[in-house]
C-alpha atoms as a PDB file:
ATOM      1  CA  MET A   1      -0.014   0.095   0.112  1.00  0.00           C
ATOM      2  CA  ALA A   2       1.326   3.570  -0.582  1.00  0.00           C
ATOM      3  CA  GLU A   3       2.298   5.830   2.297  1.00  0.00           C
ATOM      4  CA  THR A   4      -1.134   7.393   2.212  1.00  0.00           C
ATOM      5  CA  GLY A   5      -3.808   4.420   2.427  1.00  0.00           C
ATOM      6  CA  THR A   6      -6.201   4.450  -0.373  1.00  0.00           C
ATOM      7  CA  PHE A   7      -9.613   5.771  -0.108  1.00  0.00           C
ATOM      8  CA  LYS A   8     -11.050   2.399  -0.447  1.00  0.00           C
ATOM      9  CA  VAL A   9      -9.027   0.618   2.499  1.00  0.00           C
ATOM     10  CA  LYS A  10      -9.905   3.827   4.839  1.00  0.00           C
ATOM     11  CA  SER A  11     -13.641   4.059   4.187  1.00  0.00           C
ATOM     12  CA  GLY A  12     -13.583   0.103   4.811  1.00  0.00           C
ATOM     13  CA  LEU A  13     -11.586   0.741   8.046  1.00  0.00           C
ATOM     14  CA  ALA A  14     -14.937   2.931   8.879  1.00  0.00           C
ATOM     15  CA  GLN A  15     -17.407   0.587   7.830  1.00  0.00           C
ATOM     16  CA  MET A  16     -15.963  -1.757  10.657  1.00  0.00           C
ATOM     17  CA  LEU A  17     -17.442   0.473  12.929  1.00  0.00           C
ATOM     18  CA  LYS A  18     -21.106   0.344  11.374  1.00  0.00           C
ATOM     19  CA  GLY A  19     -23.727  -0.178  14.194  1.00  0.00           C
ATOM     20  CA  GLY A  20     -21.464   0.860  16.978  1.00  0.00           C
ATOM     21  CA  VAL A  21     -21.102   3.160  19.719  1.00  0.00           C
ATOM     22  CA  ILE A  22     -18.237   5.624  19.749  1.00  0.00           C
ATOM     23  CA  MET A  23     -17.695   7.098  23.030  1.00  0.00           C
ATOM     24  CA  ASP A  24     -16.285  10.196  24.666  1.00  0.00           C
ATOM     25  CA  VAL A  25     -13.542   9.650  27.052  1.00  0.00           C
ATOM     26  CA  THR A  26     -11.132  11.669  29.053  1.00  0.00           C
ATOM     27  CA  SER A  27      -9.245   9.624  31.153  1.00  0.00           C
ATOM     28  CA  ALA A  28      -8.121   5.677  30.715  1.00  0.00           C
ATOM     29  CA  GLU A  29     -10.413   4.814  33.547  1.00  0.00           C
ATOM     30  CA  GLN A  30     -13.586   6.183  31.511  1.00  0.00           C
ATOM     31  CA  ALA A  31     -11.978   4.478  28.344  1.00  0.00           C
ATOM     32  CA  LYS A  32     -12.038   0.866  30.183  1.00  0.00           C
ATOM     33  CA  ILE A  33     -15.358   1.424  30.941  1.00  0.00           C
ATOM     34  CA  ALA A  34     -16.598   2.467  27.673  1.00  0.00           C
ATOM     35  CA  GLU A  35     -14.614  -0.960  26.355  1.00  0.00           C
ATOM     36  CA  GLU A  36     -16.383  -2.906  28.880  1.00  0.00           C
ATOM     37  CA  ALA A  37     -20.015  -1.653  28.319  1.00  0.00           C
ATOM     38  CA  GLY A  38     -19.500  -2.545  24.176  1.00  0.00           C
ATOM     39  CA  ALA A  39     -18.288   0.570  22.630  1.00  0.00           C
ATOM     40  CA  CYS A  40     -16.833  -0.201  19.119  1.00  0.00           C
ATOM     41  CA  ALA A  41     -14.553   2.843  19.812  1.00  0.00           C
ATOM     42  CA  VAL A  42     -13.242   5.700  21.820  1.00  0.00           C
ATOM     43  CA  MET A  43     -12.934   9.103  21.363  1.00  0.00           C
ATOM     44  CA  ALA A  44      -9.701  10.558  23.334  1.00  0.00           C
ATOM     45  CA  LEU A  45     -10.417  14.071  24.619  1.00  0.00           C
ATOM     46  CA  GLU A  46      -8.880  16.112  27.129  1.00  0.00           C
ATOM     47  CA  ARG A  47     -12.367  18.119  27.908  1.00  0.00           C
ATOM     48  CA  VAL A  48     -15.406  16.962  27.117  1.00  0.00           C
ATOM     49  CA  PRO A  49     -17.384  19.545  24.538  1.00  0.00           C
ATOM     50  CA  ALA A  50     -20.222  20.219  27.394  1.00  0.00           C
ATOM     51  CA  ASP A  51     -17.051  21.619  29.442  1.00  0.00           C
ATOM     52  CA  ILE A  52     -15.586  23.179  26.269  1.00  0.00           C
ATOM     53  CA  ARG A  53     -18.839  25.299  25.658  1.00  0.00           C
ATOM     54  CA  ALA A  54     -18.668  25.933  29.407  1.00  0.00           C
ATOM     55  CA  ALA A  55     -15.236  27.286  29.566  1.00  0.00           C
ATOM     56  CA  GLY A  56     -15.441  29.411  26.336  1.00  0.00           C
ATOM     57  CA  GLY A  57     -11.859  30.056  25.240  1.00  0.00           C
ATOM     58  CA  ILE A  58      -9.680  28.146  22.649  1.00  0.00           C
ATOM     59  CA  ALA A  59     -10.226  24.202  22.407  1.00  0.00           C
ATOM     60  CA  ARG A  60      -7.183  22.807  20.639  1.00  0.00           C
ATOM     61  CA  MET A  61      -6.195  18.869  20.113  1.00  0.00           C
ATOM     62  CA  ALA A  62      -5.810  17.095  23.477  1.00  0.00           C
ATOM     63  CA  ASP A  63      -2.363  16.733  25.164  1.00  0.00           C
ATOM     64  CA  PRO A  64      -0.859  13.574  23.451  1.00  0.00           C
ATOM     65  CA  THR A  65       0.084  12.309  26.616  1.00  0.00           C
ATOM     66  CA  VAL A  66      -3.619  12.005  27.750  1.00  0.00           C
ATOM     67  CA  ILE A  67      -4.214  10.108  24.047  1.00  0.00           C
ATOM     68  CA  LEU A  68      -1.337   7.563  24.553  1.00  0.00           C
ATOM     69  CA  ARG A  69      -2.752   6.737  28.083  1.00  0.00           C
ATOM     70  CA  ILE A  70      -5.977   6.145  26.654  1.00  0.00           C
ATOM     71  CA  MET A  71      -4.177   4.143  23.641  1.00  0.00           C
ATOM     72  CA  ASP A  72      -2.313   1.698  25.888  1.00  0.00           C
ATOM     73  CA  ALA A  73      -6.127   1.246  28.143  1.00  0.00           C
ATOM     74  CA  VAL A  74      -8.029  -0.230  25.398  1.00  0.00           C
ATOM     75  CA  THR A  75      -7.930  -2.687  22.510  1.00  0.00           C
ATOM     76  CA  ILE A  76     -10.765  -0.812  20.759  1.00  0.00           C
ATOM     77  CA  PRO A  77     -10.113   1.636  17.980  1.00  0.00           C
ATOM     78  CA  VAL A  78      -9.068   5.170  19.511  1.00  0.00           C
ATOM     79  CA  MET A  79     -10.167   8.313  17.618  1.00  0.00           C
ATOM     80  CA  ALA A  80      -8.842  11.896  18.540  1.00  0.00           C
ATOM     81  CA  LYS A  81      -9.743  15.273  17.731  1.00  0.00           C
ATOM     82  CA  CYS A  82      -7.953  17.875  15.570  1.00  0.00           C
ATOM     83  CA  ARG A  83      -8.964  21.636  14.647  1.00  0.00           C
ATOM     84  CA  ILE A  84     -10.404  22.325  11.262  1.00  0.00           C
ATOM     85  CA  GLY A  85      -7.905  23.280   8.745  1.00  0.00           C
ATOM     86  CA  HIS A  86      -4.766  22.313  11.357  1.00  0.00           C
ATOM     87  CA  PHE A  87      -2.913  19.429   9.377  1.00  0.00           C
ATOM     88  CA  VAL A  88      -0.150  20.046  11.490  1.00  0.00           C
ATOM     89  CA  GLU A  89      -2.047  18.437  14.754  1.00  0.00           C
ATOM     90  CA  ALA A  90      -3.270  15.610  12.067  1.00  0.00           C
ATOM     91  CA  GLN A  91       0.502  14.879  11.586  1.00  0.00           C
ATOM     92  CA  ILE A  92       0.808  14.612  15.327  1.00  0.00           C
ATOM     93  CA  LEU A  93      -2.180  12.259  15.825  1.00  0.00           C
ATOM     94  CA  GLN A  94      -1.270  10.261  12.559  1.00  0.00           C
ATOM     95  CA  SER A  95       2.118   9.858  14.570  1.00  0.00           C
ATOM     96  CA  LEU A  96       0.942   8.756  17.953  1.00  0.00           C
ATOM     97  CA  GLY A  97      -0.417   5.742  15.804  1.00  0.00           C
ATOM     98  CA  ILE A  98      -4.181   6.772  16.362  1.00  0.00           C
ATOM     99  CA  ASP A  99      -6.639   4.904  14.615  1.00  0.00           C
ATOM    100  CA  TYR A 100      -9.154   7.916  13.427  1.00  0.00           C
ATOM    101  CA  ILE A 101      -8.976  11.707  13.392  1.00  0.00           C
ATOM    102  CA  ASP A 102     -12.135  13.998  13.627  1.00  0.00           C
ATOM    103  CA  GLU A 103     -11.617  17.166  12.039  1.00  0.00           C
ATOM    104  CA  SER A 104     -13.945  18.782  14.407  1.00  0.00           C
ATOM    105  CA  GLU A 105     -15.948  21.842  14.686  1.00  0.00           C
ATOM    106  CA  VAL A 106     -16.004  21.063  18.585  1.00  0.00           C
ATOM    107  CA  LEU A 107     -12.559  22.439  18.485  1.00  0.00           C
ATOM    108  CA  THR A 108     -11.910  26.201  17.730  1.00  0.00           C
ATOM    109  CA  PRO A 109     -10.828  26.204  14.290  1.00  0.00           C
ATOM    110  CA  ALA A 110      -7.624  26.866  12.869  1.00  0.00           C
ATOM    111  CA  ASP A 111      -8.445  27.739   9.272  1.00  0.00           C
ATOM    112  CA  GLU A 112     -11.825  29.227   8.382  1.00  0.00           C
ATOM    113  CA  LYS A 113     -11.379  28.971   4.536  1.00  0.00           C
ATOM    114  CA  TYR A 114      -9.708  25.363   4.192  1.00  0.00           C
ATOM    115  CA  HIS A 115     -10.018  21.873   5.757  1.00  0.00           C
ATOM    116  CA  VAL A 116      -7.114  19.333   6.182  1.00  0.00           C
ATOM    117  CA  ASN A 117      -6.654  17.447   2.887  1.00  0.00           C
ATOM    118  CA  LYS A 118      -7.168  14.193   4.039  1.00  0.00           C
ATOM    119  CA  HIS A 119      -5.972  12.348   1.360  1.00  0.00           C
ATOM    120  CA  LEU A 120      -2.242  12.978   2.291  1.00  0.00           C
ATOM    121  CA  PHE A 121      -2.710  10.954   5.400  1.00  0.00           C
ATOM    122  CA  LYS A 122      -2.551   7.330   5.886  1.00  0.00           C
ATOM    123  CA  VAL A 123      -5.085   7.803   9.022  1.00  0.00           C
ATOM    124  CA  PRO A 124      -9.056   7.653   7.893  1.00  0.00           C
ATOM    125  CA  PHE A 125     -10.797  10.950   8.838  1.00  0.00           C
ATOM    126  CA  VAL A 126     -14.035  11.550  10.492  1.00  0.00           C
ATOM    127  CA  CYS A 127     -15.922  14.945   9.480  1.00  0.00           C
ATOM    128  CA  GLY A 128     -19.089  16.485  10.447  1.00  0.00           C
ATOM    129  CA  ALA A 129     -21.673  17.758   8.198  1.00  0.00           C
ATOM    130  CA  ARG A 130     -25.352  19.318   8.397  1.00  0.00           C
ATOM    131  CA  ASN A 131     -26.156  18.489   4.557  1.00  0.00           C
ATOM    132  CA  LEU A 132     -25.641  16.637   1.633  1.00  0.00           C
ATOM    133  CA  GLY A 133     -23.362  19.142   0.230  1.00  0.00           C
ATOM    134  CA  GLU A 134     -20.970  19.810   3.257  1.00  0.00           C
ATOM    135  CA  ALA A 135     -20.711  15.858   3.337  1.00  0.00           C
ATOM    136  CA  LEU A 136     -19.492  15.173  -0.506  1.00  0.00           C
ATOM    137  CA  ARG A 137     -17.248  18.273   0.092  1.00  0.00           C
ATOM    138  CA  ARG A 138     -15.694  16.321   3.067  1.00  0.00           C
ATOM    139  CA  ILE A 139     -15.563  13.264   1.116  1.00  0.00           C
ATOM    140  CA  GLY A 140     -14.023  14.656  -1.827  1.00  0.00           C
ATOM    141  CA  GLU A 141     -11.355  15.781   0.629  1.00  0.00           C
ATOM    142  CA  GLY A 142     -10.643  12.248   1.511  1.00  0.00           C
ATOM    143  CA  ALA A 143     -13.058  12.066   4.767  1.00  0.00           C
ATOM    144  CA  ALA A 144     -13.708   8.289   5.049  1.00  0.00           C
ATOM    145  CA  MET A 145     -16.620   8.738   7.462  1.00  0.00           C
ATOM    146  CA  ILE A 146     -19.252  11.337   7.910  1.00  0.00           C
ATOM    147  CA  ARG A 147     -21.255  12.482  11.282  1.00  0.00           C
ATOM    148  CA  THR A 148     -24.095  14.658  12.050  1.00  0.00           C
ATOM    149  CA  LYS A 149     -22.798  17.865  13.427  1.00  0.00           C
ATOM    150  CA  GLY A 150     -25.884  18.228  16.160  1.00  0.00           C
ATOM    151  CA  GLU A 151     -25.034  20.832  19.050  1.00  0.00           C
ATOM    152  CA  PRO A 152     -22.545  18.843  20.696  1.00  0.00           C
ATOM    153  CA  GLY A 153     -22.259  19.057  24.684  1.00  0.00           C
ATOM    154  CA  THR A 154     -25.944  20.438  24.853  1.00  0.00           C
ATOM    155  CA  GLY A 155     -27.870  17.270  25.223  1.00  0.00           C
ATOM    156  CA  ASN A 156     -30.612  18.338  22.791  1.00  0.00           C
ATOM    157  CA  VAL A 157     -30.980  16.216  20.163  1.00  0.00           C
ATOM    158  CA  VAL A 158     -32.729  18.464  17.690  1.00  0.00           C
ATOM    159  CA  GLU A 159     -30.063  19.514  15.447  1.00  0.00           C
ATOM    160  CA  ALA A 160     -28.696  15.924  15.050  1.00  0.00           C
ATOM    161  CA  VAL A 161     -32.220  14.940  13.943  1.00  0.00           C
ATOM    162  CA  ARG A 162     -32.624  18.083  11.479  1.00  0.00           C
ATOM    163  CA  HIS A 163     -28.873  17.351   9.953  1.00  0.00           C
ATOM    164  CA  ILE A 164     -29.840  13.741   9.382  1.00  0.00           C
ATOM    165  CA  ARG A 165     -33.312  14.218   7.819  1.00  0.00           C
ATOM    166  CA  GLN A 166     -31.691  17.134   5.728  1.00  0.00           C
ATOM    167  CA  VAL A 167     -29.158  14.916   4.283  1.00  0.00           C
ATOM    168  CA  ASN A 168     -31.807  11.969   3.859  1.00  0.00           C
ATOM    169  CA  ASP A 169     -33.917  14.434   1.986  1.00  0.00           C
ATOM    170  CA  GLU A 170     -31.029  15.568  -0.219  1.00  0.00           C
ATOM    171  CA  ILE A 171     -30.341  11.762  -0.972  1.00  0.00           C
ATOM    172  CA  ARG A 172     -33.873  11.208  -1.962  1.00  0.00           C
ATOM    173  CA  TRP A 173     -33.918  14.313  -4.285  1.00  0.00           C
ATOM    174  CA  ILE A 174     -30.666  13.317  -5.964  1.00  0.00           C
ATOM    175  CA  ALA A 175     -31.532   9.610  -6.292  1.00  0.00           C
ATOM    176  CA  ASN A 176     -34.857  10.569  -8.272  1.00  0.00           C
ATOM    177  CA  LEU A 177     -32.957  13.199 -10.764  1.00  0.00           C
ATOM    178  CA  PRO A 178     -32.518  12.114 -14.362  1.00  0.00           C
ATOM    179  CA  GLU A 179     -29.036  12.068 -14.832  1.00  0.00           C
ATOM    180  CA  GLU A 180     -28.696  15.137 -17.134  1.00  0.00           C
ATOM    181  CA  GLU A 181     -29.640  17.282 -14.157  1.00  0.00           C
ATOM    182  CA  LEU A 182     -27.248  15.913 -12.207  1.00  0.00           C
ATOM    183  CA  MET A 183     -24.510  18.359 -12.724  1.00  0.00           C
ATOM    184  CA  SER A 184     -26.528  21.308 -12.005  1.00  0.00           C
ATOM    185  CA  ALA A 185     -27.324  19.521  -8.756  1.00  0.00           C
ATOM    186  CA  ALA A 186     -23.584  19.482  -7.880  1.00  0.00           C
ATOM    187  CA  LYS A 187     -23.335  22.930  -8.620  1.00  0.00           C
ATOM    188  CA  GLU A 188     -25.931  24.147  -6.540  1.00  0.00           C
ATOM    189  CA  MET A 189     -24.861  22.060  -3.805  1.00  0.00           C
ATOM    190  CA  MET A 190     -21.080  23.011  -4.159  1.00  0.00           C
ATOM    191  CA  ALA A 191     -19.964  19.380  -4.375  1.00  0.00           C
ATOM    192  CA  PRO A 192     -17.838  16.929  -6.710  1.00  0.00           C
ATOM    193  CA  TYR A 193     -20.132  16.012  -9.938  1.00  0.00           C
ATOM    194  CA  GLU A 194     -18.155  12.478  -9.498  1.00  0.00           C
ATOM    195  CA  LEU A 195     -19.968  11.990  -6.047  1.00  0.00           C
ATOM    196  CA  VAL A 196     -22.611  13.115  -6.789  1.00  0.00           C
ATOM    197  CA  LEU A 197     -23.475  10.814  -9.635  1.00  0.00           C
ATOM    198  CA  GLU A 198     -21.986   7.982  -6.827  1.00  0.00           C
ATOM    199  CA  VAL A 199     -24.789   9.200  -4.220  1.00  0.00           C
ATOM    200  CA  ALA A 200     -27.308   8.885  -7.310  1.00  0.00           C
ATOM    201  CA  ARG A 201     -26.143   5.444  -8.140  1.00  0.00           C
ATOM    202  CA  LEU A 202     -26.185   3.969  -4.376  1.00  0.00           C
ATOM    203  CA  LYS A 203     -28.991   6.249  -3.337  1.00  0.00           C
ATOM    204  CA  GLY A 204     -26.921   6.728  -0.500  1.00  0.00           C
ATOM    205  CA  LEU A 205     -23.563   8.231   0.678  1.00  0.00           C
ATOM    206  CA  PRO A 206     -20.507   6.142  -0.121  1.00  0.00           C
ATOM    207  CA  VAL A 207     -19.260   6.444   3.253  1.00  0.00           C
ATOM    208  CA  VAL A 208     -20.929   5.338   6.743  1.00  0.00           C
ATOM    209  CA  ASN A 209     -22.665   8.283   8.281  1.00  0.00           C
ATOM    210  CA  PHE A 210     -22.559   8.521  12.097  1.00  0.00           C
ATOM    211  CA  ALA A 211     -25.236  10.596  14.411  1.00  0.00           C
ATOM    212  CA  ALA A 212     -23.404  12.861  16.616  1.00  0.00           C
ATOM    213  CA  GLY A 213     -23.752  16.269  18.826  1.00  0.00           C
ATOM    214  CA  GLY A 214     -26.516  16.191  21.729  1.00  0.00           C
ATOM    215  CA  ILE A 215     -27.342  12.598  21.813  1.00  0.00           C
ATOM    216  CA  ALA A 216     -27.670  11.945  25.350  1.00  0.00           C
ATOM    217  CA  THR A 217     -30.257   9.059  26.246  1.00  0.00           C
ATOM    218  CA  PRO A 218     -30.414   5.437  24.872  1.00  0.00           C
ATOM    219  CA  ALA A 219     -33.889   6.751  23.276  1.00  0.00           C
ATOM    220  CA  ASP A 220     -31.868   9.597  21.378  1.00  0.00           C
ATOM    221  CA  ALA A 221     -29.405   6.670  19.991  1.00  0.00           C
ATOM    222  CA  ALA A 222     -32.310   4.674  18.916  1.00  0.00           C
ATOM    223  CA  LEU A 223     -33.956   7.896  17.224  1.00  0.00           C
ATOM    224  CA  MET A 224     -30.484   8.409  14.980  1.00  0.00           C
ATOM    225  CA  MET A 225     -30.043   4.686  14.032  1.00  0.00           C
ATOM    226  CA  GLN A 226     -34.171   4.549  12.946  1.00  0.00           C
ATOM    227  CA  LEU A 227     -33.557   7.821  10.960  1.00  0.00           C
ATOM    228  CA  GLY A 228     -31.149   5.901   8.638  1.00  0.00           C
ATOM    229  CA  CYS A 229     -27.805   6.698  10.867  1.00  0.00           C
ATOM    230  CA  ASP A 230     -24.904   3.773  10.741  1.00  0.00           C
ATOM    231  CA  GLY A 231     -23.930   4.524  14.340  1.00  0.00           C
ATOM    232  CA  ILE A 232     -23.918   6.738  17.211  1.00  0.00           C
ATOM    233  CA  PHE A 233     -20.838   9.132  18.768  1.00  0.00           C
ATOM    234  CA  VAL A 234     -21.917   9.423  22.304  1.00  0.00           C
ATOM    235  CA  GLY A 235     -20.915  12.530  24.450  1.00  0.00           C
ATOM    236  CA  SER A 236     -19.276  12.462  27.871  1.00  0.00           C
ATOM    237  CA  GLY A 237     -22.357  14.113  29.626  1.00  0.00           C
ATOM    238  CA  ILE A 238     -23.559  10.141  30.479  1.00  0.00           C
ATOM    239  CA  PHE A 239     -20.282   9.687  32.530  1.00  0.00           C
END
């Protein structure tokens, strides 16, 4: 395999998490609890989104020592967040041997114009999206997994529901368009044409789509799964 993992391999790795729950954890103890409870992966954080919101200020990538401690504690995959557009944080996370990187809007963005070019990394990336255009732009940049953005740290599921319904509605719209109209649809959504074609063919996203942002109860998680999500990111509000 080339130095940068092929997109097929990366999206295949993300497929392995399908149907699972990914837990936010801030310590090795929490990571162990999550693993024992059956989480398919953990998200290593220094502070949970709820605390980040409350504290204000700048939220950056977690301290590498915290991440390494969590990686040592569990056998399941470990994810970590980098700031949007901060490719050096992503390089650091890759060098730590992390399993997935979440280029996350929960942290303070480092670049307001560009996201990380995710094709340059071996590690698969997860990115948030509020609609199909945003999801396809992220996939075009190399994201191997998409999640709803929701409202992190609030315990309010309404935004996550809005985002998954928006994506589903737009997928249905694309799937029912005649082929000659797909180019203008791609233009309208500011999305790569090849990916719009693929969505029309698959009648769905070419990568897994998880629910995230404000999912606080088992009922919230079940709601998102029944709305068509492939899995769930659970905030640490539940610890």
